[in-house]
């Protein structure tokens, strides 16, 4: 089916294409076009389901009212929910969002940035994968507005919105210690990611501040693209029959790790929290309906999404605006899985 053009509307109404363009861009009064003609143009555009060519519009105005969003893993419920919050906030400001998922692959992320630039997006919101520093530096040098979310690169001057990962992991670990758990494990992913590194540092500091020795054997670092076999191996090393120094609690650094880990723990016939206390970052719906609902570090997704869009739009409107480095607090929600 042929897409409706400005020319189609102009021909049906017997007016010029330029007049139609002025009306649909809200410039009817500026060019003294009558209210009656403006109404006819707008009504016909709606009837014919006219959709503006964003790229052509961008070439004329320098803006497409479009944001490029690159997240780490769209299949991960955390990023899916965060993407929805960003889209809703952008829509309130008259912007569309083009979604991409890098799958923590810097090569893929680079291709997506190039593609979105060709689509004339006005700016980027990015959850940058490891080894993508040069891509971010390139955006900075090109003066393209962007905001980093979930993680950032400390050595690069940029806008970012993150949570206090150190404090969140510290409080979660201290809570388990206060309940009498002494051999608390931490299952995480690649520590080259600044947010994962900070979570493990918070976990370690809580142990040290409570005079509990940090046992590196209780820290399991999995690849970002981990699967059930990786989790199964890590859990068995922590609580298996051959282990004389079994973990009595686990802090999962992501909900994906937590969901897979709980499945493995159940398969081993262990009971949560009697045999093993559990705390996890993030709060997917599945955690609330477990036999032992999971205690979580809940990140403020609505606030992250809202602020990310607002900071980006401010940068689009004011390119020389000072970069904003925003760190938000998390909520610690106590449920049955930690034994409290």
Foldseek 3Di string as FASTA:
>chain_A
DDADDLVNLCVVVVHDSVQLVCLVVPNCVVVVNDPVVSVSSVVVCVVSVHDDLLQVVCVVVVASLEEEEEEAACVAVLVVLLVVLLQVLSVVVVHHYDYHHQVLPLVSVLVSVVVVVVSSHQAYEYQHHPPNVVVVVVCVVVLRFYEYEQADDVVDFAAYEHAQLLVLLLVVLLVLVVVVFQQEAEEEEDCSTVSRVSNVNSNCVSCVVVVRDDDVQRYHYHHSPDDLVSLLVSQCSQANPVDPHHGLEYEYEAVVSVVSNVVNCVVVVDDFNVRYAYEYEDDDPVQCPPPWRHWYFHDPSNVNSNVRNVQRVVCSVPVVDRHHYHYHYTDTGDTPRSPD
